[in-house]
């Protein structure tokens, strides 16, 4: 469910950024690229959440559950900080972004470990 919700919100943010914030980004074109990066990573990791949900149905366990929570945290921290930075231009939000990136990396690692433990022969 979280994957679908984050994808819905990603499409909404993308449309809002392209249309509702058009004049703002015309005045701050560097911030438009920051906003778009947030949307792009949100959408990719919403799909990763859907993949984690699929994996959890096949390989229940702590690694796959951790991957989903890491992806969700990454979306909130990484994309959320980029949205906040692009809309407020308060640079300190940029310091949060790498924490979200680490959460994404942890999510991919946990998903890989779940697959390794459940798919590859031992």
PDB file of N, CA and C in Angstrom:
ATOM      1  N   UNK A   1       0.810  -1.190   0.000  1.00  0.00           N
ATOM      2  CA  UNK A   1       0.000   0.000   0.000  1.00  0.00           C
ATOM      3  C   UNK A   1       0.863   1.268   0.000  1.00  0.00           C
ATOM      4  N   UNK A   2       1.948   1.261   0.822  1.00  0.00           N
ATOM      5  CA  UNK A   2       2.801   2.456   0.887  1.00  0.00           C
ATOM      6  C   UNK A   2       3.371   2.806  -0.480  1.00  0.00           C
ATOM      7  N   UNK A   3       3.750   1.797  -1.266  1.00  0.00           N
ATOM      8  CA  UNK A   3       4.300   2.058  -2.585  1.00  0.00           C
ATOM      9  C   UNK A   3       3.311   2.794  -3.464  1.00  0.00           C
ATOM     10  N   UNK A   4       2.059   2.355  -3.432  1.00  0.00           N
ATOM     11  CA  UNK A   4       1.020   3.006  -4.234  1.00  0.00           C
ATOM     12  C   UNK A   4       0.770   4.432  -3.763  1.00  0.00           C
ATOM     13  N   UNK A   5       0.753   4.627  -2.452  1.00  0.00           N
ATOM     14  CA  UNK A   5       0.525   5.971  -1.905  1.00  0.00           C
ATOM     15  C   UNK A   5       1.673   6.904  -2.285  1.00  0.00           C
ATOM     16  N   UNK A   6       2.916   6.421  -2.121  1.00  0.00           N
ATOM     17  CA  UNK A   6       4.053   7.265  -2.488  1.00  0.00           C
ATOM     18  C   UNK A   6       4.100   7.536  -3.991  1.00  0.00           C
ATOM     19  N   UNK A   7       3.688   6.570  -4.822  1.00  0.00           N
ATOM     20  CA  UNK A   7       3.637   6.807  -6.266  1.00  0.00           C
ATOM     21  C   UNK A   7       2.570   7.853  -6.598  1.00  0.00           C
ATOM     22  N   UNK A   8       1.403   7.727  -5.977  1.00  0.00           N
ATOM     23  CA  UNK A   8       0.341   8.715  -6.169  1.00  0.00           C
ATOM     24  C   UNK A   8       0.843  10.110  -5.795  1.00  0.00           C
ATOM     25  N   UNK A   9       1.490  10.203  -4.633  1.00  0.00           N
ATOM     26  CA  UNK A   9       2.001  11.501  -4.186  1.00  0.00           C
ATOM     27  C   UNK A   9       3.132  12.007  -5.078  1.00  0.00           C
ATOM     28  N   UNK A  10       3.919  11.085  -5.638  1.00  0.00           N
ATOM     29  CA  UNK A  10       4.980  11.484  -6.557  1.00  0.00           C
ATOM     30  C   UNK A  10       4.430  12.075  -7.846  1.00  0.00           C
ATOM     31  N   UNK A  11       3.398  11.445  -8.384  1.00  0.00           N
ATOM     32  CA  UNK A  11       2.750  11.989  -9.586  1.00  0.00           C
ATOM     33  C   UNK A  11       2.135  13.345  -9.267  1.00  0.00           C
ATOM     34  N   UNK A  12       1.508  13.439  -8.104  1.00  0.00           N
ATOM     35  CA  UNK A  12       0.904  14.702  -7.681  1.00  0.00           C
ATOM     36  C   UNK A  12       1.967  15.791  -7.539  1.00  0.00           C
ATOM     37  N   UNK A  13       3.083  15.454  -6.893  1.00  0.00           N
ATOM     38  CA  UNK A  13       4.162  16.434  -6.728  1.00  0.00           C
ATOM     39  C   UNK A  13       4.733  16.849  -8.077  1.00  0.00           C
ATOM     40  N   UNK A  14       4.913  15.881  -8.978  1.00  0.00           N
ATOM     41  CA  UNK A  14       5.434  16.202 -10.302  1.00  0.00           C
ATOM     42  C   UNK A  14       4.521  17.149 -11.068  1.00  0.00           C
ATOM     43  N   UNK A  15       3.222  16.873 -11.012  1.00  0.00           N
ATOM     44  CA  UNK A  15       2.262  17.746 -11.702  1.00  0.00           C
ATOM     45  C   UNK A  15       2.219  19.123 -11.057  1.00  0.00           C
ATOM     46  N   UNK A  16       2.235  19.153  -9.739  1.00  0.00           N
ATOM     47  CA  UNK A  16       2.218  20.432  -9.033  1.00  0.00           C
ATOM     48  C   UNK A  16       3.472  21.236  -9.338  1.00  0.00           C
ATOM     49  N   UNK A  17       4.612  20.554  -9.373  1.00  0.00           N
ATOM     50  CA  UNK A  17       5.865  21.240  -9.694  1.00  0.00           C
ATOM     51  C   UNK A  17       5.873  21.792 -11.112  1.00  0.00           C
ATOM     52  N   UNK A  18       5.306  21.029 -12.039  1.00  0.00           N
ATOM     53  CA  UNK A  18       5.311  21.444 -13.443  1.00  0.00           C
ATOM     54  C   UNK A  18       4.292  22.539 -13.732  1.00  0.00           C
ATOM     55  N   UNK A  19       3.187  22.521 -13.020  1.00  0.00           N
ATOM     56  CA  UNK A  19       2.105  23.460 -13.349  1.00  0.00           C
ATOM     57  C   UNK A  19       1.857  24.492 -12.244  1.00  0.00           C
ATOM     58  N   UNK A  20       1.645  24.021 -11.038  1.00  0.00           N
ATOM     59  CA  UNK A  20       1.320  24.929  -9.940  1.00  0.00           C
ATOM     60  C   UNK A  20       2.475  25.811  -9.508  1.00  0.00           C
ATOM     61  N   UNK A  21       3.689  25.311  -9.692  1.00  0.00           N
ATOM     62  CA  UNK A  21       4.872  26.068  -9.271  1.00  0.00           C
ATOM     63  C   UNK A  21       5.649  26.643 -10.458  1.00  0.00           C
ATOM     64  N   UNK A  22       5.024  26.668 -11.615  1.00  0.00           N
ATOM     65  CA  UNK A  22       5.717  27.107 -12.823  1.00  0.00           C
ATOM     66  C   UNK A  22       6.351  28.489 -12.660  1.00  0.00           C
ATOM     67  N   UNK A  23       5.596  29.442 -12.168  1.00  0.00           N
ATOM     68  CA  UNK A  23       6.135  30.813 -12.020  1.00  0.00           C
ATOM     69  C   UNK A  23       7.249  30.871 -10.979  1.00  0.00           C
ATOM     70  N   UNK A  24       7.076  30.130  -9.891  1.00  0.00           N
ATOM     71  CA  UNK A  24       8.117  30.098  -8.853  1.00  0.00           C
ATOM     72  C   UNK A  24       9.418  29.563  -9.452  1.00  0.00           C
ATOM     73  N   UNK A  25       9.325  28.473 -10.211  1.00  0.00           N
ATOM     74  CA  UNK A  25      10.533  27.879 -10.772  1.00  0.00           C
ATOM     75  C   UNK A  25      11.098  28.691 -11.935  1.00  0.00           C
ATOM     76  N   UNK A  26      10.284  29.501 -12.571  1.00  0.00           N
ATOM     77  CA  UNK A  26      10.830  30.423 -13.574  1.00  0.00           C
ATOM     78  C   UNK A  26      11.747  31.434 -12.891  1.00  0.00           C
ATOM     79  N   UNK A  27      11.396  31.820 -11.683  1.00  0.00           N
ATOM     80  CA  UNK A  27      12.221  32.765 -10.924  1.00  0.00           C
ATOM     81  C   UNK A  27      13.409  32.075 -10.252  1.00  0.00           C
ATOM     82  N   UNK A  28      13.293  30.760 -10.028  1.00  0.00           N
ATOM     83  CA  UNK A  28      14.345  29.989  -9.339  1.00  0.00           C
ATOM     84  C   UNK A  28      14.613  28.692 -10.097  1.00  0.00           C
ATOM     85  N   UNK A  29      15.169  28.800 -11.316  1.00  0.00           N
ATOM     86  CA  UNK A  29      15.338  27.594 -12.140  1.00  0.00           C
ATOM     87  C   UNK A  29      16.249  26.540 -11.523  1.00  0.00           C
ATOM     88  N   UNK A  30      17.219  26.947 -10.713  1.00  0.00           N
ATOM     89  CA  UNK A  30      18.088  25.964 -10.058  1.00  0.00           C
ATOM     90  C   UNK A  30      17.296  25.098  -9.078  1.00  0.00           C
ATOM     91  N   UNK A  31      16.262  25.646  -8.496  1.00  0.00           N
ATOM     92  CA  UNK A  31      15.453  24.904  -7.540  1.00  0.00           C
ATOM     93  C   UNK A  31      14.489  23.934  -8.241  1.00  0.00           C
ATOM     94  N   UNK A  32      14.170  24.206  -9.501  1.00  0.00           N
ATOM     95  CA  UNK A  32      13.311  23.283 -10.243  1.00  0.00           C
ATOM     96  C   UNK A  32      14.016  21.940 -10.433  1.00  0.00           C
ATOM     97  N   UNK A  33      15.294  21.977 -10.721  1.00  0.00           N
ATOM     98  CA  UNK A  33      16.055  20.738 -10.887  1.00  0.00           C
ATOM     99  C   UNK A  33      16.103  19.955  -9.573  1.00  0.00           C
ATOM    100  N   UNK A  34      16.225  20.648  -8.460  1.00  0.00           N
ATOM    101  CA  UNK A  34      16.237  20.002  -7.145  1.00  0.00           C
ATOM    102  C   UNK A  34      14.889  19.326  -6.897  1.00  0.00           C
ATOM    103  N   UNK A  35      13.813  20.029  -7.178  1.00  0.00           N
ATOM    104  CA  UNK A  35      12.464  19.488  -7.004  1.00  0.00           C
ATOM    105  C   UNK A  35      12.263  18.255  -7.875  1.00  0.00           C
ATOM    106  N   UNK A  36      12.677  18.349  -9.140  1.00  0.00           N
ATOM    107  CA  UNK A  36      12.529  17.215 -10.060  1.00  0.00           C
ATOM    108  C   UNK A  36      13.311  15.993  -9.587  1.00  0.00           C
ATOM    109  N   UNK A  37      14.474  16.212  -9.013  1.00  0.00           N
ATOM    110  CA  UNK A  37      15.251  15.086  -8.472  1.00  0.00           C
ATOM    111  C   UNK A  37      14.468  14.412  -7.347  1.00  0.00           C
ATOM    112  N   UNK A  38      13.839  15.195  -6.501  1.00  0.00           N
ATOM    113  CA  UNK A  38      13.017  14.633  -5.433  1.00  0.00           C
ATOM    114  C   UNK A  38      11.892  13.782  -5.978  1.00  0.00           C
ATOM    115  N   UNK A  39      11.214  14.279  -7.014  1.00  0.00           N
ATOM    116  CA  UNK A  39      10.113  13.525  -7.630  1.00  0.00           C
ATOM    117  C   UNK A  39      10.640  12.239  -8.259  1.00  0.00           C
ATOM    118  N   UNK A  40      11.747  12.334  -8.975  1.00  0.00           N
ATOM    119  CA  UNK A  40      12.300  11.156  -9.650  1.00  0.00           C
ATOM    120  C   UNK A  40      12.660  10.052  -8.652  1.00  0.00           C
ATOM    121  N   UNK A  41      13.366  10.410  -7.601  1.00  0.00           N
ATOM    122  CA  UNK A  41      13.743   9.409  -6.607  1.00  0.00           C
ATOM    123  C   UNK A  41      12.522   8.876  -5.859  1.00  0.00           C
ATOM    124  N   UNK A  42      11.542   9.725  -5.631  1.00  0.00           N
ATOM    125  CA  UNK A  42      10.319   9.247  -4.982  1.00  0.00           C
ATOM    126  C   UNK A  42       9.630   8.204  -5.849  1.00  0.00           C
ATOM    127  N   UNK A  43       9.530   8.472  -7.133  1.00  0.00           N
ATOM    128  CA  UNK A  43       8.845   7.526  -8.020  1.00  0.00           C
ATOM    129  C   UNK A  43       9.604   6.206  -8.120  1.00  0.00           C
ATOM    130  N   UNK A  44      10.917   6.258  -8.282  1.00  0.00           N
ATOM    131  CA  UNK A  44      11.693   5.022  -8.369  1.00  0.00           C
ATOM    132  C   UNK A  44      11.548   4.197  -7.100  1.00  0.00           C
ATOM    133  N   UNK A  45      11.559   4.870  -5.973  1.00  0.00           N
ATOM    134  CA  UNK A  45      11.521   4.121  -4.723  1.00  0.00           C
ATOM    135  C   UNK A  45      10.103   3.749  -4.303  1.00  0.00           C
ATOM    136  N   UNK A  46       9.096   4.410  -4.861  1.00  0.00           N
ATOM    137  CA  UNK A  46       7.726   3.905  -4.713  1.00  0.00           C
ATOM    138  C   UNK A  46       7.619   2.559  -5.429  1.00  0.00           C
ATOM    139  N   UNK A  47       8.237   2.462  -6.596  1.00  0.00           N
ATOM    140  CA  UNK A  47       8.277   1.172  -7.304  1.00  0.00           C
ATOM    141  C   UNK A  47       9.079   0.145  -6.518  1.00  0.00           C
ATOM    142  N   UNK A  48      10.158   0.588  -5.873  1.00  0.00           N
ATOM    143  CA  UNK A  48      10.938  -0.324  -5.036  1.00  0.00           C
ATOM    144  C   UNK A  48      10.096  -0.836  -3.869  1.00  0.00           C
ATOM    145  N   UNK A  49       9.241   0.015  -3.319  1.00  0.00           N
ATOM    146  CA  UNK A  49       8.339  -0.431  -2.256  1.00  0.00           C
ATOM    147  C   UNK A  49       7.367  -1.483  -2.766  1.00  0.00           C
ATOM    148  N   UNK A  50       6.885  -1.318  -3.977  1.00  0.00           N
ATOM    149  CA  UNK A  50       6.003  -2.336  -4.569  1.00  0.00           C
ATOM    150  C   UNK A  50       6.764  -3.643  -4.761  1.00  0.00           C
ATOM    151  N   UNK A  51       8.023  -3.555  -5.172  1.00  0.00           N
ATOM    152  CA  UNK A  51       8.859  -4.755  -5.316  1.00  0.00           C
ATOM    153  C   UNK A  51       9.091  -5.409  -3.953  1.00  0.00           C
ATOM    154  N   UNK A  52       9.305  -4.600  -2.932  1.00  0.00           N
ATOM    155  CA  UNK A  52       9.501  -5.146  -1.586  1.00  0.00           C
ATOM    156  C   UNK A  52       8.229  -5.829  -1.092  1.00  0.00           C
ATOM    157  N   UNK A  53       7.073  -5.266  -1.404  1.00  0.00           N
ATOM    158  CA  UNK A  53       5.810  -5.900  -1.014  1.00  0.00           C
ATOM    159  C   UNK A  53       5.645  -7.241  -1.722  1.00  0.00           C
ATOM    160  N   UNK A  54       5.986  -7.284  -2.988  1.00  0.00           N
ATOM    161  CA  UNK A  54       5.939  -8.546  -3.744  1.00  0.00           C
ATOM    162  C   UNK A  54       6.893  -9.562  -3.118  1.00  0.00           C
ATOM    163  N   UNK A  55       8.098  -9.105  -2.802  1.00  0.00           N
ATOM    164  CA  UNK A  55       9.088  -9.998  -2.196  1.00  0.00           C
ATOM    165  C   UNK A  55       8.618 -10.485  -0.827  1.00  0.00           C
ATOM    166  N   UNK A  56       7.986  -9.619  -0.058  1.00  0.00           N
ATOM    167  CA  UNK A  56       7.510  -9.999   1.277  1.00  0.00           C
ATOM    168  C   UNK A  56       6.437 -11.082   1.194  1.00  0.00           C
ATOM    169  N   UNK A  57       5.647 -11.036   0.131  1.00  0.00           N
ATOM    170  CA  UNK A  57       4.621 -12.072  -0.047  1.00  0.00           C
ATOM    171  C   UNK A  57       5.252 -13.419  -0.371  1.00  0.00           C
ATOM    172  N   UNK A  58       6.400 -13.396  -1.011  1.00  0.00           N
ATOM    173  CA  UNK A  58       7.086 -14.639  -1.391  1.00  0.00           C
ATOM    174  C   UNK A  58       8.092 -15.095  -0.354  1.00  0.00           C
ATOM    175  N   UNK A  59       8.791 -14.154   0.270  1.00  0.00           N
ATOM    176  CA  UNK A  59       9.863 -14.479   1.210  1.00  0.00           C
ATOM    177  C   UNK A  59       9.677 -13.700   2.508  1.00  0.00           C
ATOM    178  N   UNK A  60       8.678 -13.997   3.283  1.00  0.00           N
ATOM    179  CA  UNK A  60       8.482 -13.231   4.515  1.00  0.00           C
ATOM    180  C   UNK A  60       9.729 -13.292   5.404  1.00  0.00           C
ATOM    181  N   UNK A  61      10.027 -12.183   6.003  1.00  0.00           N
ATOM    182  CA  UNK A  61      11.185 -12.152   6.893  1.00  0.00           C
ATOM    183  C   UNK A  61      11.630 -10.740   7.195  1.00  0.00           C
ATOM    184  N   UNK A  62      12.575 -10.659   8.097  1.00  0.00           N
ATOM    185  CA  UNK A  62      13.010  -9.351   8.578  1.00  0.00           C
ATOM    186  C   UNK A  62      13.774  -8.546   7.534  1.00  0.00           C
ATOM    187  N   UNK A  63      14.549  -9.205   6.664  1.00  0.00           N
ATOM    188  CA  UNK A  63      15.323  -8.453   5.667  1.00  0.00           C
ATOM    189  C   UNK A  63      14.420  -7.740   4.688  1.00  0.00           C
ATOM    190  N   UNK A  64      13.415  -8.437   4.196  1.00  0.00           N
ATOM    191  CA  UNK A  64      12.528  -7.805   3.214  1.00  0.00           C
ATOM    192  C   UNK A  64      11.662  -6.733   3.886  1.00  0.00           C
ATOM    193  N   UNK A  65      11.253  -6.969   5.131  1.00  0.00           N
ATOM    194  CA  UNK A  65      10.494  -5.937   5.856  1.00  0.00           C
ATOM    195  C   UNK A  65      11.351  -4.695   6.078  1.00  0.00           C
ATOM    196  N   UNK A  66      12.600  -4.915   6.442  1.00  0.00           N
ATOM    197  CA  UNK A  66      13.513  -3.783   6.656  1.00  0.00           C
ATOM    198  C   UNK A  66      13.704  -2.992   5.365  1.00  0.00           C
ATOM    199  N   UNK A  67      13.750  -3.695   4.228  1.00  0.00           N
ATOM    200  CA  UNK A  67      13.938  -2.982   2.959  1.00  0.00           C
ATOM    201  C   UNK A  67      12.791  -2.012   2.712  1.00  0.00           C
ATOM    202  N   UNK A  68      11.575  -2.453   2.972  1.00  0.00           N
ATOM    203  CA  UNK A  68      10.423  -1.566   2.769  1.00  0.00           C
ATOM    204  C   UNK A  68      10.465  -0.347   3.658  1.00  0.00           C
ATOM    205  N   UNK A  69      10.797  -0.564   4.933  1.00  0.00           N
ATOM    206  CA  UNK A  69      10.878   0.575   5.844  1.00  0.00           C
ATOM    207  C   UNK A  69      12.008   1.524   5.464  1.00  0.00           C
ATOM    208  N   UNK A  70      13.111   0.982   4.994  1.00  0.00           N
ATOM    209  CA  UNK A  70      14.223   1.837   4.549  1.00  0.00           C
ATOM    210  C   UNK A  70      13.836   2.651   3.321  1.00  0.00           C
ATOM    211  N   UNK A  71      13.136   2.019   2.366  1.00  0.00           N
ATOM    212  CA  UNK A  71      12.689   2.761   1.183  1.00  0.00           C
ATOM    213  C   UNK A  71      11.732   3.887   1.579  1.00  0.00           C
ATOM    214  N   UNK A  72      10.796   3.589   2.486  1.00  0.00           N
ATOM    215  CA  UNK A  72       9.843   4.610   2.926  1.00  0.00           C
ATOM    216  C   UNK A  72      10.563   5.757   3.635  1.00  0.00           C
ATOM    217  N   UNK A  73      11.497   5.406   4.520  1.00  0.00           N
ATOM    218  CA  UNK A  73      12.265   6.453   5.214  1.00  0.00           C
ATOM    219  C   UNK A  73      13.088   7.267   4.219  1.00  0.00           C
ATOM    220  N   UNK A  74      13.659   6.596   3.226  1.00  0.00           N
ATOM    221  CA  UNK A  74      14.437   7.299   2.216  1.00  0.00           C
ATOM    222  C   UNK A  74      13.607   8.294   1.431  1.00  0.00           C
ATOM    223  N   UNK A  75      12.382   7.889   1.087  1.00  0.00           N
ATOM    224  CA  UNK A  75      11.500   8.810   0.357  1.00  0.00           C
ATOM    225  C   UNK A  75      11.219  10.046   1.193  1.00  0.00           C
ATOM    226  N   UNK A  76      10.866   9.829   2.448  1.00  0.00           N
ATOM    227  CA  UNK A  76      10.538  10.959   3.322  1.00  0.00           C
ATOM    228  C   UNK A  76      11.756  11.867   3.507  1.00  0.00           C
ATOM    229  N   UNK A  77      12.903  11.269   3.800  1.00  0.00           N
ATOM    230  CA  UNK A  77      14.096  12.070   4.100  1.00  0.00           C
ATOM    231  C   UNK A  77      14.739  12.654   2.849  1.00  0.00           C
ATOM    232  N   UNK A  78      14.948  11.831   1.821  1.00  0.00           N
ATOM    233  CA  UNK A  78      15.633  12.292   0.619  1.00  0.00           C
ATOM    234  C   UNK A  78      14.732  13.229  -0.181  1.00  0.00           C
ATOM    235  N   UNK A  79      13.605  12.690  -0.644  1.00  0.00           N
ATOM    236  CA  UNK A  79      12.721  13.520  -1.474  1.00  0.00           C
ATOM    237  C   UNK A  79      12.123  14.660  -0.672  1.00  0.00           C
ATOM    238  N   UNK A  80      11.710  14.371   0.569  1.00  0.00           N
ATOM    239  CA  UNK A  80      11.132  15.428   1.401  1.00  0.00           C
ATOM    240  C   UNK A  80      12.091  16.581   1.628  1.00  0.00           C
ATOM    241  N   UNK A  81      13.365  16.265   1.868  1.00  0.00           N
ATOM    242  CA  UNK A  81      14.333  17.348   2.084  1.00  0.00           C
ATOM    243  C   UNK A  81      14.577  18.141   0.805  1.00  0.00           C
ATOM    244  N   UNK A  82      14.548  17.456  -0.340  1.00  0.00           N
ATOM    245  CA  UNK A  82      14.721  18.185  -1.607  1.00  0.00           C
ATOM    246  C   UNK A  82      13.515  19.072  -1.903  1.00  0.00           C
ATOM    247  N   UNK A  83      12.316  18.579  -1.595  1.00  0.00           N
ATOM    248  CA  UNK A  83      11.131  19.430  -1.766  1.00  0.00           C
ATOM    249  C   UNK A  83      11.232  20.655  -0.866  1.00  0.00           C
ATOM    250  N   UNK A  84      11.601  20.437   0.394  1.00  0.00           N
ATOM    251  CA  UNK A  84      11.712  21.553   1.335  1.00  0.00           C
ATOM    252  C   UNK A  84      12.791  22.545   0.893  1.00  0.00           C
ATOM    253  N   UNK A  85      13.927  22.021   0.463  1.00  0.00           N
ATOM    254  CA  UNK A  85      15.013  22.887  -0.015  1.00  0.00           C
ATOM    255  C   UNK A  85      14.574  23.701  -1.227  1.00  0.00           C
ATOM    256  N   UNK A  86      13.942  23.035  -2.180  1.00  0.00           N
ATOM    257  CA  UNK A  86      13.577  23.731  -3.419  1.00  0.00           C
ATOM    258  C   UNK A  86      12.494  24.787  -3.198  1.00  0.00           C
ATOM    259  N   UNK A  87      11.621  24.563  -2.230  1.00  0.00           N
ATOM    260  CA  UNK A  87      10.517  25.501  -2.010  1.00  0.00           C
ATOM    261  C   UNK A  87      10.870  26.624  -1.041  1.00  0.00           C
ATOM    262  N   UNK A  88      11.798  26.367  -0.123  1.00  0.00           N
ATOM    263  CA  UNK A  88      12.151  27.398   0.860  1.00  0.00           C
ATOM    264  C   UNK A  88      13.508  28.032   0.593  1.00  0.00           C
ATOM    265  N   UNK A  89      14.358  27.321  -0.150  1.00  0.00           N
ATOM    266  CA  UNK A  89      15.735  27.723  -0.405  1.00  0.00           C
ATOM    267  C   UNK A  89      16.541  27.833   0.886  1.00  0.00           C
ATOM    268  N   UNK A  90      16.106  27.112   1.920  1.00  0.00           N
ATOM    269  CA  UNK A  90      16.852  27.031   3.177  1.00  0.00           C
ATOM    270  C   UNK A  90      17.822  25.867   3.033  1.00  0.00           C
ATOM    271  N   UNK A  91      19.082  26.186   2.944  1.00  0.00           N
ATOM    272  CA  UNK A  91      20.123  25.208   2.591  1.00  0.00           C
ATOM    273  C   UNK A  91      20.300  24.067   3.591  1.00  0.00           C
ATOM    274  N   UNK A  92      19.926  24.275   4.836  1.00  0.00           N
ATOM    275  CA  UNK A  92      20.121  23.230   5.841  1.00  0.00           C
ATOM    276  C   UNK A  92      19.327  21.966   5.490  1.00  0.00           C
ATOM    277  N   UNK A  93      18.245  22.102   4.737  1.00  0.00           N
ATOM    278  CA  UNK A  93      17.484  20.918   4.308  1.00  0.00           C
ATOM    279  C   UNK A  93      18.347  19.997   3.455  1.00  0.00           C
ATOM    280  N   UNK A  94      19.312  20.571   2.759  1.00  0.00           N
ATOM    281  CA  UNK A  94      20.223  19.761   1.954  1.00  0.00           C
ATOM    282  C   UNK A  94      21.077  18.825   2.787  1.00  0.00           C
ATOM    283  N   UNK A  95      21.259  19.135   4.062  1.00  0.00           N
ATOM    284  CA  UNK A  95      22.047  18.271   4.946  1.00  0.00           C
ATOM    285  C   UNK A  95      21.296  16.982   5.297  1.00  0.00           C
ATOM    286  N   UNK A  96      19.987  16.982   5.154  1.00  0.00           N
ATOM    287  CA  UNK A  96      19.173  15.802   5.450  1.00  0.00           C
ATOM    288  C   UNK A  96      19.191  14.816   4.278  1.00  0.00           C
ATOM    289  N   UNK A  97      19.364  15.325   3.082  1.00  0.00           N
ATOM    290  CA  UNK A  97      19.280  14.512   1.874  1.00  0.00           C
ATOM    291  C   UNK A  97      20.188  13.286   1.898  1.00  0.00           C
ATOM    292  N   UNK A  98      21.460  13.398   2.290  1.00  0.00           N
ATOM    293  CA  UNK A  98      22.312  12.198   2.303  1.00  0.00           C
ATOM    294  C   UNK A  98      21.827  11.108   3.262  1.00  0.00           C
ATOM    295  N   UNK A  99      21.152  11.495   4.333  1.00  0.00           N
ATOM    296  CA  UNK A  99      20.603  10.499   5.255  1.00  0.00           C
ATOM    297  C   UNK A  99      19.536   9.671   4.532  1.00  0.00           C
ATOM    298  N   UNK A 100      18.724  10.353   3.744  1.00  0.00           N
ATOM    299  CA  UNK A 100      17.740   9.642   2.927  1.00  0.00           C
ATOM    300  C   UNK A 100      18.401   8.753   1.892  1.00  0.00           C
ATOM    301  N   UNK A 101      19.495   9.236   1.319  1.00  0.00           N
ATOM    302  CA  UNK A 101      20.244   8.425   0.356  1.00  0.00           C
ATOM    303  C   UNK A 101      20.792   7.166   1.007  1.00  0.00           C
ATOM    304  N   UNK A 102      21.270   7.282   2.236  1.00  0.00           N
ATOM    305  CA  UNK A 102      21.744   6.103   2.967  1.00  0.00           C
ATOM    306  C   UNK A 102      20.597   5.136   3.246  1.00  0.00           C
ATOM    307  N   UNK A 103      19.423   5.663   3.540  1.00  0.00           N
ATOM    308  CA  UNK A 103      18.258   4.799   3.748  1.00  0.00           C
ATOM    309  C   UNK A 103      17.919   4.045   2.460  1.00  0.00           C
ATOM    310  N   UNK A 104      18.004   4.726   1.316  1.00  0.00           N
ATOM    311  CA  UNK A 104      17.779   4.035   0.034  1.00  0.00           C
ATOM    312  C   UNK A 104      18.790   2.909  -0.154  1.00  0.00           C
ATOM    313  N   UNK A 105      20.054   3.216   0.095  1.00  0.00           N
ATOM    314  CA  UNK A 105      21.100   2.193  -0.054  1.00  0.00           C
ATOM    315  C   UNK A 105      20.847   1.011   0.880  1.00  0.00           C
ATOM    316  N   UNK A 106      20.467   1.306   2.110  1.00  0.00           N
ATOM    317  CA  UNK A 106      20.164   0.232   3.061  1.00  0.00           C
ATOM    318  C   UNK A 106      18.978  -0.600   2.586  1.00  0.00           C
ATOM    319  N   UNK A 107      17.988   0.060   2.018  1.00  0.00           N
ATOM    320  CA  UNK A 107      16.830  -0.664   1.487  1.00  0.00           C
ATOM    321  C   UNK A 107      17.204  -1.619   0.378  1.00  0.00           C
ATOM    322  N   UNK A 108      18.044  -1.168  -0.535  1.00  0.00           N
ATOM    323  CA  UNK A 108      18.480  -2.049  -1.626  1.00  0.00           C
ATOM    324  C   UNK A 108      19.324  -3.198  -1.093  1.00  0.00           C
ATOM    325  N   UNK A 109      20.180  -2.910  -0.124  1.00  0.00           N
ATOM    326  CA  UNK A 109      20.997  -3.968   0.464  1.00  0.00           C
ATOM    327  C   UNK A 109      20.115  -4.998   1.180  1.00  0.00           C
ATOM    328  N   UNK A 110      19.154  -4.537   1.950  1.00  0.00           N
ATOM    329  CA  UNK A 110      18.250  -5.462   2.651  1.00  0.00           C
ATOM    330  C   UNK A 110      17.446  -6.304   1.661  1.00  0.00           C
ATOM    331  N   UNK A 111      16.992  -5.690   0.580  1.00  0.00           N
ATOM    332  CA  UNK A 111      16.237  -6.446  -0.424  1.00  0.00           C
ATOM    333  C   UNK A 111      17.125  -7.481  -1.092  1.00  0.00           C
ATOM    334  N   UNK A 112      18.361  -7.108  -1.367  1.00  0.00           N
ATOM    335  CA  UNK A 112      19.308  -8.060  -1.952  1.00  0.00           C
ATOM    336  C   UNK A 112      19.578  -9.215  -0.992  1.00  0.00           C
ATOM    337  N   UNK A 113      19.733  -8.918   0.292  1.00  0.00           N
ATOM    338  CA  UNK A 113      19.961  -9.969   1.278  1.00  0.00           C
ATOM    339  C   UNK A 113      18.745 -10.891   1.390  1.00  0.00           C
ATOM    340  N   UNK A 114      17.554 -10.324   1.329  1.00  0.00           N
ATOM    341  CA  UNK A 114      16.340 -11.143   1.368  1.00  0.00           C
ATOM    342  C   UNK A 114      16.303 -12.087   0.173  1.00  0.00           C
ATOM    343  N   UNK A 115      16.644 -11.571  -0.994  1.00  0.00           N
ATOM    344  CA  UNK A 115      16.660 -12.411  -2.196  1.00  0.00           C
ATOM    345  C   UNK A 115      17.743 -13.479  -2.077  1.00  0.00           C
ATOM    346  N   UNK A 116      18.906 -13.081  -1.616  1.00  0.00           N
ATOM    347  CA  UNK A 116      20.018 -14.022  -1.481  1.00  0.00           C
ATOM    348  C   UNK A 116      19.659 -15.161  -0.532  1.00  0.00           C
ATOM    349  N   UNK A 117      19.039 -14.831   0.573  1.00  0.00           N
ATOM    350  CA  UNK A 117      18.672 -15.847   1.570  1.00  0.00           C
ATOM    351  C   UNK A 117      17.549 -16.768   1.086  1.00  0.00           C
ATOM    352  N   UNK A 118      16.726 -16.293   0.153  1.00  0.00           N
ATOM    353  CA  UNK A 118      15.553 -17.060  -0.234  1.00  0.00           C
ATOM    354  C   UNK A 118      15.595 -17.648  -1.637  1.00  0.00           C
ATOM    355  N   UNK A 119      16.460 -17.147  -2.481  1.00  0.00           N
ATOM    356  CA  UNK A 119      16.460 -17.587  -3.875  1.00  0.00           C
ATOM    357  C   UNK A 119      17.690 -18.409  -4.218  1.00  0.00           C
ATOM    358  N   UNK A 120      18.832 -17.944  -3.799  1.00  0.00           N
ATOM    359  CA  UNK A 120      20.071 -18.625  -4.184  1.00  0.00           C
ATOM    360  C   UNK A 120      20.255 -19.912  -3.385  1.00  0.00           C
ATOM    361  N   UNK A 121      20.745 -20.944  -4.054  1.00  0.00           N
ATOM    362  CA  UNK A 121      20.981 -22.192  -3.317  1.00  0.00           C
ATOM    363  C   UNK A 121      22.096 -22.004  -2.300  1.00  0.00           C
ATOM    364  N   UNK A 122      22.003 -22.759  -1.233  1.00  0.00           N
ATOM    365  CA  UNK A 122      23.024 -22.658  -0.171  1.00  0.00           C
ATOM    366  C   UNK A 122      23.966 -23.792  -0.247  1.00  0.00           C
TER     367      UNK A 122
END
